[in-house]
Amino acid sequence: MARIELEVTEGWQSENAPPGTVEEFTLIAWQKAVGDSVQKYDALFEYDPGKGVVEYTAPADGKLVEILIPDGSEGCLRGDVAGILEV
């Protein structure tokens, strides 16, 4: 089975930020748990990149096999991998 890294890259105040800009987010809460089956577009977790809460949805059908950033984590960086989906 293939694995997809759930990389947080959307929802920033400035999509065209200059190189070297540090963009942080807070992972608010996971909506799914490790071992849960998910369908494409299911909400996996919510995060706040500084302009309001964004819902991260599953990019494909599969199973959540790992959570790398737990609920309530602050200071996470744009591009961090929050979890792993097995498809």
PDB file of N, CA and C in Angstrom:
ATOM      1  N   MET A   1       0.842  -1.188   0.000  1.00  0.00           N
ATOM      2  CA  MET A   1       0.000   0.000   0.000  1.00  0.00           C
ATOM      3  C   MET A   1       0.887   1.252   0.000  1.00  0.00           C
ATOM      4  N   ALA A   2       0.384   2.277  -0.620  1.00  0.00           N
ATOM      5  CA  ALA A   2       1.112   3.548  -0.685  1.00  0.00           C
ATOM      6  C   ALA A   2       0.763   4.409   0.533  1.00  0.00           C
ATOM      7  N   ARG A   3       1.666   5.332   0.834  1.00  0.00           N
ATOM      8  CA  ARG A   3       1.439   6.262   1.945  1.00  0.00           C
ATOM      9  C   ARG A   3       1.481   7.682   1.411  1.00  0.00           C
ATOM     10  N   ILE A   4       0.576   8.499   1.917  1.00  0.00           N
ATOM     11  CA  ILE A   4       0.527   9.919   1.556  1.00  0.00           C
ATOM     12  C   ILE A   4       0.836  10.734   2.804  1.00  0.00           C
ATOM     13  N   GLU A   5       1.813  11.636   2.683  1.00  0.00           N
ATOM     14  CA  GLU A   5       2.107  12.562   3.778  1.00  0.00           C
ATOM     15  C   GLU A   5       1.089  13.690   3.745  1.00  0.00           C
ATOM     16  N   LEU A   6       0.487  13.980   4.886  1.00  0.00           N
ATOM     17  CA  LEU A   6      -0.513  15.037   5.000  1.00  0.00           C
ATOM     18  C   LEU A   6       0.212  16.338   5.329  1.00  0.00           C
ATOM     19  N   GLU A   7       0.689  16.994   4.287  1.00  0.00           N
ATOM     20  CA  GLU A   7       1.501  18.203   4.401  1.00  0.00           C
ATOM     21  C   GLU A   7       0.602  19.438   4.445  1.00  0.00           C
ATOM     22  N   VAL A   8       0.805  20.272   5.430  1.00  0.00           N
ATOM     23  CA  VAL A   8      -0.016  21.469   5.612  1.00  0.00           C
ATOM     24  C   VAL A   8       0.572  22.607   4.775  1.00  0.00           C
ATOM     25  N   THR A   9      -0.130  22.952   3.690  1.00  0.00           N
ATOM     26  CA  THR A   9       0.385  23.970   2.767  1.00  0.00           C
ATOM     27  C   THR A   9      -0.642  25.022   2.368  1.00  0.00           C
ATOM     28  N   GLU A  10      -1.890  24.882   2.776  1.00  0.00           N
ATOM     29  CA  GLU A  10      -2.958  25.787   2.333  1.00  0.00           C
ATOM     30  C   GLU A  10      -3.440  26.707   3.447  1.00  0.00           C
ATOM     31  N   GLY A  11      -4.063  27.836   3.062  1.00  0.00           N
ATOM     32  CA  GLY A  11      -4.760  28.692   4.010  1.00  0.00           C
ATOM     33  C   GLY A  11      -3.957  29.828   4.600  1.00  0.00           C
ATOM     34  N   TRP A  12      -2.857  30.230   3.963  1.00  0.00           N
ATOM     35  CA  TRP A  12      -1.996  31.264   4.533  1.00  0.00           C
ATOM     36  C   TRP A  12      -2.448  32.649   4.155  1.00  0.00           C
ATOM     37  N   GLN A  13      -2.098  33.616   4.982  1.00  0.00           N
ATOM     38  CA  GLN A  13      -2.452  35.009   4.733  1.00  0.00           C
ATOM     39  C   GLN A  13      -1.838  35.482   3.430  1.00  0.00           C
ATOM     40  N   SER A  14      -0.651  35.034   3.144  1.00  0.00           N
ATOM     41  CA  SER A  14       0.041  35.451   1.931  1.00  0.00           C
ATOM     42  C   SER A  14       0.527  34.221   1.191  1.00  0.00           C
ATOM     43  N   GLU A  15      -0.191  33.835   0.143  1.00  0.00           N
ATOM     44  CA  GLU A  15       0.213  32.674  -0.646  1.00  0.00           C
ATOM     45  C   GLU A  15       1.524  32.947  -1.382  1.00  0.00           C
ATOM     46  N   ASN A  16       1.860  34.220  -1.595  1.00  0.00           N
ATOM     47  CA  ASN A  16       3.077  34.577  -2.322  1.00  0.00           C
ATOM     48  C   ASN A  16       4.075  35.277  -1.404  1.00  0.00           C
ATOM     49  N   ALA A  17       4.270  34.710  -0.231  1.00  0.00           N
ATOM     50  CA  ALA A  17       5.194  35.301   0.738  1.00  0.00           C
ATOM     51  C   ALA A  17       6.616  35.272   0.185  1.00  0.00           C
ATOM     52  N   PRO A  18       7.420  36.274   0.515  1.00  0.00           N
ATOM     53  CA  PRO A  18       8.802  36.289   0.049  1.00  0.00           C
ATOM     54  C   PRO A  18       9.599  35.111   0.599  1.00  0.00           C
ATOM     55  N   PRO A  19      10.614  34.661  -0.133  1.00  0.00           N
ATOM     56  CA  PRO A  19      11.447  33.564   0.358  1.00  0.00           C
ATOM     57  C   PRO A  19      12.008  33.880   1.741  1.00  0.00           C
ATOM     58  N   GLY A  20      12.059  32.874   2.580  1.00  0.00           N
ATOM     59  CA  GLY A  20      12.593  33.053   3.925  1.00  0.00           C
ATOM     60  C   GLY A  20      11.547  33.441   4.952  1.00  0.00           C
ATOM     61  N   THR A  21      10.312  33.731   4.513  1.00  0.00           N
ATOM     62  CA  THR A  21       9.235  34.074   5.433  1.00  0.00           C
ATOM     63  C   THR A  21       8.830  32.823   6.218  1.00  0.00           C
ATOM     64  N   VAL A  22       8.767  32.942   7.529  1.00  0.00           N
ATOM     65  CA  VAL A  22       8.341  31.817   8.361  1.00  0.00           C
ATOM     66  C   VAL A  22       6.843  31.942   8.583  1.00  0.00           C
ATOM     67  N   GLU A  23       6.118  30.914   8.185  1.00  0.00           N
ATOM     68  CA  GLU A  23       4.673  30.917   8.370  1.00  0.00           C
ATOM     69  C   GLU A  23       4.317  29.753   9.284  1.00  0.00           C
ATOM     70  N   GLU A  24       3.674  30.085  10.407  1.00  0.00           N
ATOM     71  CA  GLU A  24       3.356  29.101  11.430  1.00  0.00           C
ATOM     72  C   GLU A  24       1.856  28.841  11.483  1.00  0.00           C
ATOM     73  N   PHE A  25       1.515  27.689  12.060  1.00  0.00           N
ATOM     74  CA  PHE A  25       0.115  27.375  12.299  1.00  0.00           C
ATOM     75  C   PHE A  25      -0.014  26.628  13.608  1.00  0.00           C
ATOM     76  N   THR A  26      -1.234  26.599  14.116  1.00  0.00           N
ATOM     77  CA  THR A  26      -1.583  25.801  15.285  1.00  0.00           C
ATOM     78  C   THR A  26      -2.508  24.687  14.834  1.00  0.00           C
ATOM     79  N   LEU A  27      -2.157  23.454  15.151  1.00  0.00           N
ATOM     80  CA  LEU A  27      -3.063  22.343  14.864  1.00  0.00           C
ATOM     81  C   LEU A  27      -4.060  22.287  16.012  1.00  0.00           C
ATOM     82  N   ILE A  28      -5.304  22.578  15.701  1.00  0.00           N
ATOM     83  CA  ILE A  28      -6.322  22.697  16.748  1.00  0.00           C
ATOM     84  C   ILE A  28      -6.771  21.321  17.242  1.00  0.00           C
ATOM     85  N   ALA A  29      -7.283  20.487  16.332  1.00  0.00           N
ATOM     86  CA  ALA A  29      -7.776  19.169  16.760  1.00  0.00           C
ATOM     87  C   ALA A  29      -7.934  18.235  15.569  1.00  0.00           C
ATOM     88  N   TRP A  30      -7.604  16.988  15.804  1.00  0.00           N
ATOM     89  CA  TRP A  30      -7.844  15.939  14.818  1.00  0.00           C
ATOM     90  C   TRP A  30      -9.310  15.530  14.882  1.00  0.00           C
ATOM     91  N   GLN A  31      -9.909  15.287  13.732  1.00  0.00           N
ATOM     92  CA  GLN A  31     -11.293  14.813  13.637  1.00  0.00           C
ATOM     93  C   GLN A  31     -11.330  13.293  13.481  1.00  0.00           C
ATOM     94  N   LYS A  32     -10.187  12.721  13.126  1.00  0.00           N
ATOM     95  CA  LYS A  32     -10.062  11.268  12.963  1.00  0.00           C
ATOM     96  C   LYS A  32      -8.948  10.770  13.872  1.00  0.00           C
ATOM     97  N   ALA A  33      -8.989   9.485  14.178  1.00  0.00           N
ATOM     98  CA  ALA A  33      -7.973   8.856  15.032  1.00  0.00           C
ATOM     99  C   ALA A  33      -7.167   7.853  14.214  1.00  0.00           C
ATOM    100  N   VAL A  34      -5.985   7.515  14.697  1.00  0.00           N
ATOM    101  CA  VAL A  34      -5.175   6.500  14.042  1.00  0.00           C
ATOM    102  C   VAL A  34      -5.990   5.216  13.934  1.00  0.00           C
ATOM    103  N   GLY A  35      -5.976   4.640  12.733  1.00  0.00           N
ATOM    104  CA  GLY A  35      -6.737   3.418  12.475  1.00  0.00           C
ATOM    105  C   GLY A  35      -8.077   3.658  11.814  1.00  0.00           C
ATOM    106  N   ASP A  36      -8.546   4.910  11.825  1.00  0.00           N
ATOM    107  CA  ASP A  36      -9.835   5.229  11.194  1.00  0.00           C
ATOM    108  C   ASP A  36      -9.721   5.153   9.677  1.00  0.00           C
ATOM    109  N   SER A  37     -10.741   4.575   9.052  1.00  0.00           N
ATOM    110  CA  SER A  37     -10.859   4.623   7.601  1.00  0.00           C
ATOM    111  C   SER A  37     -11.443   5.974   7.228  1.00  0.00           C
ATOM    112  N   VAL A  38     -10.955   6.533   6.120  1.00  0.00           N
ATOM    113  CA  VAL A  38     -11.450   7.837   5.669  1.00  0.00           C
ATOM    114  C   VAL A  38     -11.761   7.769   4.182  1.00  0.00           C
ATOM    115  N   GLN A  39     -12.671   8.635   3.773  1.00  0.00           N
ATOM    116  CA  GLN A  39     -12.992   8.776   2.363  1.00  0.00           C
ATOM    117  C   GLN A  39     -12.462  10.115   1.885  1.00  0.00           C
ATOM    118  N   LYS A  40     -12.175  10.191   0.605  1.00  0.00           N
ATOM    119  CA  LYS A  40     -11.692  11.440   0.023  1.00  0.00           C
ATOM    120  C   LYS A  40     -12.627  12.567   0.426  1.00  0.00           C
ATOM    121  N   TYR A  41     -12.050  13.677   0.849  1.00  0.00           N
ATOM    122  CA  TYR A  41     -12.728  14.907   1.291  1.00  0.00           C
ATOM    123  C   TYR A  41     -13.265  14.848   2.725  1.00  0.00           C
ATOM    124  N   ASP A  42     -13.088  13.725   3.449  1.00  0.00           N
ATOM    125  CA  ASP A  42     -13.444  13.719   4.867  1.00  0.00           C
ATOM    126  C   ASP A  42     -12.548  14.707   5.605  1.00  0.00           C
ATOM    127  N   ALA A  43     -13.095  15.393   6.609  1.00  0.00           N
ATOM    128  CA  ALA A  43     -12.286  16.285   7.447  1.00  0.00           C
ATOM    129  C   ALA A  43     -11.365  15.437   8.317  1.00  0.00           C
ATOM    130  N   LEU A  44     -10.045  15.718   8.254  1.00  0.00           N
ATOM    131  CA  LEU A  44      -9.083  14.985   9.068  1.00  0.00           C
ATOM    132  C   LEU A  44      -8.700  15.755  10.318  1.00  0.00           C
ATOM    133  N   PHE A  45      -8.446  17.074  10.169  1.00  0.00           N
ATOM    134  CA  PHE A  45      -8.109  17.904  11.315  1.00  0.00           C
ATOM    135  C   PHE A  45      -8.358  19.357  10.983  1.00  0.00           C
ATOM    136  N   GLU A  46      -8.349  20.205  12.021  1.00  0.00           N
ATOM    137  CA  GLU A  46      -8.498  21.653  11.861  1.00  0.00           C
ATOM    138  C   GLU A  46      -7.212  22.321  12.313  1.00  0.00           C
ATOM    139  N   TYR A  47      -6.831  23.377  11.590  1.00  0.00           N
ATOM    140  CA  TYR A  47      -5.650  24.142  11.969  1.00  0.00           C
ATOM    141  C   TYR A  47      -5.900  25.617  11.715  1.00  0.00           C
ATOM    142  N   ASP A  48      -5.107  26.459  12.370  1.00  0.00           N
ATOM    143  CA  ASP A  48      -5.241  27.906  12.231  1.00  0.00           C
ATOM    144  C   ASP A  48      -3.904  28.498  11.802  1.00  0.00           C
ATOM    145  N   PRO A  49      -3.839  28.974  10.534  1.00  0.00           N
ATOM    146  CA  PRO A  49      -2.607  29.586  10.049  1.00  0.00           C
ATOM    147  C   PRO A  49      -2.544  31.086  10.315  1.00  0.00           C
ATOM    148  N   GLY A  50      -3.418  31.577  11.196  1.00  0.00           N
ATOM    149  CA  GLY A  50      -3.366  32.980  11.558  1.00  0.00           C
ATOM    150  C   GLY A  50      -4.482  33.831  10.995  1.00  0.00           C
ATOM    151  N   LYS A  51      -5.319  33.247  10.165  1.00  0.00           N
ATOM    152  CA  LYS A  51      -6.429  34.034   9.614  1.00  0.00           C
ATOM    153  C   LYS A  51      -7.769  33.357   9.830  1.00  0.00           C
ATOM    154  N   GLY A  52      -7.796  32.376  10.693  1.00  0.00           N
ATOM    155  CA  GLY A  52      -9.027  31.651  10.969  1.00  0.00           C
ATOM    156  C   GLY A  52      -8.827  30.160  10.756  1.00  0.00           C
ATOM    157  N   VAL A  53      -9.767  29.390  11.245  1.00  0.00           N
ATOM    158  CA  VAL A  53      -9.659  27.943  11.226  1.00  0.00           C
ATOM    159  C   VAL A  53      -9.859  27.397   9.808  1.00  0.00           C
ATOM    160  N   VAL A  54      -8.970  26.476   9.428  1.00  0.00           N
ATOM    161  CA  VAL A  54      -9.035  25.807   8.130  1.00  0.00           C
ATOM    162  C   VAL A  54      -9.208  24.316   8.387  1.00  0.00           C
ATOM    163  N   GLU A  55     -10.048  23.679   7.584  1.00  0.00           N
ATOM    164  CA  GLU A  55     -10.268  22.244   7.698  1.00  0.00           C
ATOM    165  C   GLU A  55      -9.382  21.530   6.672  1.00  0.00           C
ATOM    166  N   TYR A  56      -8.609  20.567   7.111  1.00  0.00           N
ATOM    167  CA  TYR A  56      -7.765  19.775   6.206  1.00  0.00           C
ATOM    168  C   TYR A  56      -8.549  18.525   5.840  1.00  0.00           C
ATOM    169  N   THR A  57      -8.748  18.291   4.553  1.00  0.00           N
ATOM    170  CA  THR A  57      -9.536  17.147   4.109  1.00  0.00           C
ATOM    171  C   THR A  57      -8.656  16.069   3.491  1.00  0.00           C
ATOM    172  N   ALA A  58      -9.146  14.854   3.543  1.00  0.00           N
ATOM    173  CA  ALA A  58      -8.404  13.709   3.011  1.00  0.00           C
ATOM    174  C   ALA A  58      -8.238  13.834   1.499  1.00  0.00           C
ATOM    175  N   PRO A  59      -7.018  13.642   1.000  1.00  0.00           N
ATOM    176  CA  PRO A  59      -6.777  13.737  -0.426  1.00  0.00           C
ATOM    177  C   PRO A  59      -7.201  12.483  -1.194  1.00  0.00           C
ATOM    178  N   ALA A  60      -7.502  11.387  -0.476  1.00  0.00           N
ATOM    179  CA  ALA A  60      -7.885  10.123  -1.102  1.00  0.00           C
ATOM    180  C   ALA A  60      -8.551   9.227  -0.061  1.00  0.00           C
ATOM    181  N   ASP A  61      -9.189   8.160  -0.527  1.00  0.00           N
ATOM    182  CA  ASP A  61      -9.709   7.139   0.382  1.00  0.00           C
ATOM    183  C   ASP A  61      -8.527   6.416   1.008  1.00  0.00           C
ATOM    184  N   GLY A  62      -8.658   6.022   2.267  1.00  0.00           N
ATOM    185  CA  GLY A  62      -7.575   5.283   2.900  1.00  0.00           C
ATOM    186  C   GLY A  62      -7.791   5.112   4.383  1.00  0.00           C
ATOM    187  N   LYS A  63      -6.672   4.951   5.092  1.00  0.00           N
ATOM    188  CA  LYS A  63      -6.708   4.771   6.546  1.00  0.00           C
ATOM    189  C   LYS A  63      -5.632   5.650   7.158  1.00  0.00           C
ATOM    190  N   LEU A  64      -6.006   6.380   8.215  1.00  0.00           N
ATOM    191  CA  LEU A  64      -5.046   7.206   8.942  1.00  0.00           C
ATOM    192  C   LEU A  64      -4.163   6.279   9.769  1.00  0.00           C
ATOM    193  N   VAL A  65      -2.861   6.236   9.435  1.00  0.00           N
ATOM    194  CA  VAL A  65      -1.975   5.286  10.112  1.00  0.00           C
ATOM    195  C   VAL A  65      -1.015   5.937  11.099  1.00  0.00           C
ATOM    196  N   GLU A  66      -0.867   7.267  11.012  1.00  0.00           N
ATOM    197  CA  GLU A  66       0.051   7.932  11.939  1.00  0.00           C
ATOM    198  C   GLU A  66      -0.315   9.402  12.090  1.00  0.00           C
ATOM    199  N   ILE A  67      -0.256   9.898  13.329  1.00  0.00           N
ATOM    200  CA  ILE A  67      -0.407  11.323  13.625  1.00  0.00           C
ATOM    201  C   ILE A  67       0.949  11.819  14.104  1.00  0.00           C
ATOM    202  N   LEU A  68       1.507  12.786  13.385  1.00  0.00           N
ATOM    203  CA  LEU A  68       2.834  13.315  13.720  1.00  0.00           C
ATOM    204  C   LEU A  68       2.772  14.618  14.505  1.00  0.00           C
ATOM    205  N   ILE A  69       1.683  15.371  14.337  1.00  0.00           N
ATOM    206  CA  ILE A  69       1.495  16.625  15.079  1.00  0.00           C
ATOM    207  C   ILE A  69       0.223  16.482  15.909  1.00  0.00           C
ATOM    208  N   PRO A  70       0.330  16.445  17.227  1.00  0.00           N
ATOM    209  CA  PRO A  70      -0.845  16.234  18.074  1.00  0.00           C
ATOM    210  C   PRO A  70      -1.720  17.484  18.231  1.00  0.00           C
ATOM    211  N   ASP A  71      -2.928  17.254  18.718  1.00  0.00           N
ATOM    212  CA  ASP A  71      -3.867  18.346  19.019  1.00  0.00           C
ATOM    213  C   ASP A  71      -3.193  19.421  19.856  1.00  0.00           C
ATOM    214  N   GLY A  72      -3.500  20.676  19.538  1.00  0.00           N
ATOM    215  CA  GLY A  72      -3.032  21.795  20.348  1.00  0.00           C
ATOM    216  C   GLY A  72      -1.604  22.229  20.076  1.00  0.00           C
ATOM    217  N   SER A  73      -0.942  21.614  19.108  1.00  0.00           N
ATOM    218  CA  SER A  73       0.451  21.975  18.815  1.00  0.00           C
ATOM    219  C   SER A  73       0.528  23.362  18.188  1.00  0.00           C
ATOM    220  N   GLU A  74       1.373  24.213  18.768  1.00  0.00           N
ATOM    221  CA  GLU A  74       1.571  25.579  18.264  1.00  0.00           C
ATOM    222  C   GLU A  74       2.962  25.691  17.649  1.00  0.00           C
ATOM    223  N   GLY A  75       3.147  26.692  16.800  1.00  0.00           N
ATOM    224  CA  GLY A  75       4.451  26.952  16.216  1.00  0.00           C
ATOM    225  C   GLY A  75       4.852  25.972  15.131  1.00  0.00           C
ATOM    226  N   CYS A  76       3.877  25.248  14.590  1.00  0.00           N
ATOM    227  CA  CYS A  76       4.159  24.341  13.477  1.00  0.00           C
ATOM    228  C   CYS A  76       4.411  25.189  12.231  1.00  0.00           C
ATOM    229  N   LEU A  77       5.235  24.688  11.330  1.00  0.00           N
ATOM    230  CA  LEU A  77       5.611  25.465  10.156  1.00  0.00           C
ATOM    231  C   LEU A  77       4.894  25.003   8.903  1.00  0.00           C
ATOM    232  N   ARG A  78       4.599  25.966   8.030  1.00  0.00           N
ATOM    233  CA  ARG A  78       3.994  25.663   6.738  1.00  0.00           C
ATOM    234  C   ARG A  78       4.841  24.584   6.065  1.00  0.00           C
ATOM    235  N   GLY A  79       4.189  23.557   5.573  1.00  0.00           N
ATOM    236  CA  GLY A  79       4.879  22.452   4.939  1.00  0.00           C
ATOM    237  C   GLY A  79       5.146  21.271   5.859  1.00  0.00           C
ATOM    238  N   ASP A  80       4.909  21.431   7.171  1.00  0.00           N
ATOM    239  CA  ASP A  80       5.081  20.309   8.097  1.00  0.00           C
ATOM    240  C   ASP A  80       4.089  19.197   7.752  1.00  0.00           C
ATOM    241  N   VAL A  81       4.479  17.966   8.000  1.00  0.00           N
ATOM    242  CA  VAL A  81       3.624  16.812   7.768  1.00  0.00           C
ATOM    243  C   VAL A  81       2.899  16.495   9.076  1.00  0.00           C
ATOM    244  N   ALA A  82       1.567  16.591   9.035  1.00  0.00           N
ATOM    245  CA  ALA A  82       0.764  16.388  10.238  1.00  0.00           C
ATOM    246  C   ALA A  82       0.463  14.927  10.508  1.00  0.00           C
ATOM    247  N   GLY A  83       0.406  14.134   9.448  1.00  0.00           N
ATOM    248  CA  GLY A  83       0.078  12.725   9.624  1.00  0.00           C
ATOM    249  C   GLY A  83       0.330  11.950   8.345  1.00  0.00           C
ATOM    250  N   ILE A  84       0.046  10.640   8.401  1.00  0.00           N
ATOM    251  CA  ILE A  84       0.265   9.747   7.266  1.00  0.00           C
ATOM    252  C   ILE A  84      -1.029   8.988   6.973  1.00  0.00           C
ATOM    253  N   LEU A  85      -1.406   8.994   5.691  1.00  0.00           N
ATOM    254  CA  LEU A  85      -2.594   8.275   5.222  1.00  0.00           C
ATOM    255  C   LEU A  85      -2.119   7.125   4.350  1.00  0.00           C
ATOM    256  N   GLU A  86      -2.605   5.934   4.649  1.00  0.00           N
ATOM    257  CA  GLU A  86      -2.275   4.774   3.823  1.00  0.00           C
ATOM    258  C   GLU A  86      -3.413   4.572   2.829  1.00  0.00           C
ATOM    259  N   VAL A  87      -3.059   4.431   1.549  1.00  0.00           N
ATOM    260  CA  VAL A  87      -4.079   4.301   0.504  1.00  0.00           C
ATOM    261  C   VAL A  87      -3.860   3.023  -0.303  1.00  0.00           C
TER     262      VAL A  87
END
